[in-house]
Amino acid sequence: MTKIAIFDFGAGNLFSLKSALERNGAESVDIIYDLKELTKFDGLVLPGVGNFDPAIRSIESSASYLDKAIDNCMPLLGVCLGMEILFNKSEEGRLEGLKILDGEVVMLPKGKVKIPHMGWNNLQIKGESKLLKGVKDQSWVYFVHSYKTVPKDRKLVVATSDYGVSIPAMIERDNLIGVQFHPEKSGDVGALMIKNFIGLCKKEAK
């Protein structure tokens, strides 16, 4: 049986993510509070509603287990904030990020765009992606965010979205995937991405 974990760092969309995973074919989805438990699972989701510093505080004591899981090619899906904490730092907080990905997180430009960015925008697919298998270029997905990532390695960005500024909508490195949007709120397109992620977890199942 394929087992997927959702890490709870006080985020607000845990149960909508859990429901979306189960609705799209996940056999077992558990909410966990300590990454030491990761050895029991075949995939991990870092959810996407909350604030940077509290999220880092909740995860930093067991972050070494996350590093090991990524090194062992466990599929990881970071959603919005769950992607942002993977970087070095964020303008939202004072604490250092997890430094799994090189780069920073910056606020969307005040005065140029409405903050938060909330609503549907289309994706410009830039490269090959395991999560985007079967997803068409210009597909629409749902965003709720005030910050965007600035990866040092632009090759990690496999999809962007235009919101007055270019937003790295999705990054991917091997089985490490981050999305700025919310696939669990993105209709049929999001459901296809979730199914693709579940498929990655099944391939890695013990």
Foldseek 3Di string as FASTA:
>chain_A
DAEEEEECLPFDCVVLVVVLLVVLPFPYYYYDQALVPVVVHLAYEYDAGDAQPSSCVSHVVRVVSVVVCVVVLRFYEYEASRVQLCEQEEPRDDDGGSHNFYWHKYFDDPPQADPPDWFKWFKAFADDDLLCVVPDHRQIFTATDGMAIDGPDPVQQGIWTDGSDIGSQWGDDRSYIYGNTDLSRGPPSSSSSSSSNSVSSVVRDD
